[in-house]
């Protein structure tokens, strides 16, 4: 057995030519995220947005009583 090349890996995974984007592409794509350096900041922003939305709902419900 041998290891698959990046081009072959794209074909067997159903990605076609997406995995072999050329010399400037690493082929790393996790759930659509190709810039993993900013993923942490994105997750923090999502979390803070959810906290703000839930706080707003709690405040509206508390004011209704």
C-alpha atoms as a PDB file:
ATOM      1  CA  UNK A   1       0.000   0.000   0.000  1.00  0.00           C
ATOM      2  CA  UNK A   2       1.086   3.562  -0.555  1.00  0.00           C
ATOM      3  CA  UNK A   3      -0.019   6.949   0.730  1.00  0.00           C
ATOM      4  CA  UNK A   4      -2.388   8.970  -1.411  1.00  0.00           C
ATOM      5  CA  UNK A   5      -1.281  12.230  -2.946  1.00  0.00           C
ATOM      6  CA  UNK A   6      -3.242  15.415  -2.267  1.00  0.00           C
ATOM      7  CA  UNK A   7      -4.882  15.170  -5.686  1.00  0.00           C
ATOM      8  CA  UNK A   8      -5.910  11.539  -5.140  1.00  0.00           C
ATOM      9  CA  UNK A   9      -7.198  12.345  -1.668  1.00  0.00           C
ATOM     10  CA  UNK A  10      -9.478  14.994  -3.129  1.00  0.00           C
ATOM     11  CA  UNK A  11     -10.957  12.517  -5.579  1.00  0.00           C
ATOM     12  CA  UNK A  12     -11.690   9.775  -3.041  1.00  0.00           C
ATOM     13  CA  UNK A  13     -13.166  12.217  -0.526  1.00  0.00           C
ATOM     14  CA  UNK A  14     -15.557  13.668  -3.092  1.00  0.00           C
ATOM     15  CA  UNK A  15     -13.867  17.069  -3.062  1.00  0.00           C
ATOM     16  CA  UNK A  16     -12.705  16.898  -6.677  1.00  0.00           C
ATOM     17  CA  UNK A  17      -9.910  19.396  -7.275  1.00  0.00           C
ATOM     18  CA  UNK A  18     -10.653  21.464  -4.149  1.00  0.00           C
ATOM     19  CA  UNK A  19      -7.904  19.824  -2.086  1.00  0.00           C
ATOM     20  CA  UNK A  20      -5.187  20.531  -4.616  1.00  0.00           C
ATOM     21  CA  UNK A  21      -5.451  24.308  -4.828  1.00  0.00           C
ATOM     22  CA  UNK A  22      -1.841  24.778  -5.867  1.00  0.00           C
ATOM     23  CA  UNK A  23       1.372  25.792  -4.164  1.00  0.00           C
ATOM     24  CA  UNK A  24      -0.232  28.607  -2.154  1.00  0.00           C
ATOM     25  CA  UNK A  25      -2.977  26.366  -0.743  1.00  0.00           C
ATOM     26  CA  UNK A  26      -2.250  24.025   2.154  1.00  0.00           C
ATOM     27  CA  UNK A  27      -5.422  22.030   1.519  1.00  0.00           C
ATOM     28  CA  UNK A  28      -6.469  22.440   5.148  1.00  0.00           C
ATOM     29  CA  UNK A  29     -10.126  23.280   5.446  1.00  0.00           C
ATOM     30  CA  UNK A  30     -11.936  22.415   8.659  1.00  0.00           C
ATOM     31  CA  UNK A  31     -15.671  22.943   8.330  1.00  0.00           C
ATOM     32  CA  UNK A  32     -15.113  25.776   5.879  1.00  0.00           C
ATOM     33  CA  UNK A  33     -12.513  27.440   8.118  1.00  0.00           C
ATOM     34  CA  UNK A  34      -9.213  27.958   6.335  1.00  0.00           C
ATOM     35  CA  UNK A  35      -7.832  30.659   8.657  1.00  0.00           C
ATOM     36  CA  UNK A  36      -7.571  28.765  11.925  1.00  0.00           C
ATOM     37  CA  UNK A  37      -5.658  31.642  13.542  1.00  0.00           C
ATOM     38  CA  UNK A  38      -8.816  33.736  13.783  1.00  0.00           C
ATOM     39  CA  UNK A  39     -11.119  30.850  14.713  1.00  0.00           C
ATOM     40  CA  UNK A  40     -10.655  31.447  18.445  1.00  0.00           C
ATOM     41  CA  UNK A  41     -11.635  35.093  18.148  1.00  0.00           C
ATOM     42  CA  UNK A  42     -14.651  34.154  16.036  1.00  0.00           C
ATOM     43  CA  UNK A  43     -15.814  31.660  18.667  1.00  0.00           C
ATOM     44  CA  UNK A  44     -15.404  34.254  21.424  1.00  0.00           C
ATOM     45  CA  UNK A  45     -17.453  36.772  19.442  1.00  0.00           C
ATOM     46  CA  UNK A  46     -20.195  34.197  18.854  1.00  0.00           C
ATOM     47  CA  UNK A  47     -20.260  33.325  22.562  1.00  0.00           C
ATOM     48  CA  UNK A  48     -20.461  36.971  23.617  1.00  0.00           C
ATOM     49  CA  UNK A  49     -23.258  37.568  21.094  1.00  0.00           C
ATOM     50  CA  UNK A  50     -25.243  34.658  22.513  1.00  0.00           C
ATOM     51  CA  UNK A  51     -24.706  35.914  26.075  1.00  0.00           C
ATOM     52  CA  UNK A  52     -25.903  39.383  25.058  1.00  0.00           C
ATOM     53  CA  UNK A  53     -29.008  37.984  23.346  1.00  0.00           C
ATOM     54  CA  UNK A  54     -29.918  35.759  26.302  1.00  0.00           C
ATOM     55  CA  UNK A  55     -29.389  38.654  28.726  1.00  0.00           C
ATOM     56  CA  UNK A  56     -31.688  40.808  26.621  1.00  0.00           C
ATOM     57  CA  UNK A  57     -34.421  38.146  26.684  1.00  0.00           C
ATOM     58  CA  UNK A  58     -34.074  37.683  30.454  1.00  0.00           C
ATOM     59  CA  UNK A  59     -34.326  41.445  30.985  1.00  0.00           C
ATOM     60  CA  UNK A  60     -37.431  41.697  28.777  1.00  0.00           C
ATOM     61  CA  UNK A  61     -39.122  38.817  30.605  1.00  0.00           C
ATOM     62  CA  UNK A  62     -38.220  40.274  34.015  1.00  0.00           C
ATOM     63  CA  UNK A  63     -39.635  43.690  33.038  1.00  0.00           C
ATOM     64  CA  UNK A  64     -42.873  42.062  31.859  1.00  0.00           C
ATOM     65  CA  UNK A  65     -43.659  40.926  35.401  1.00  0.00           C
END
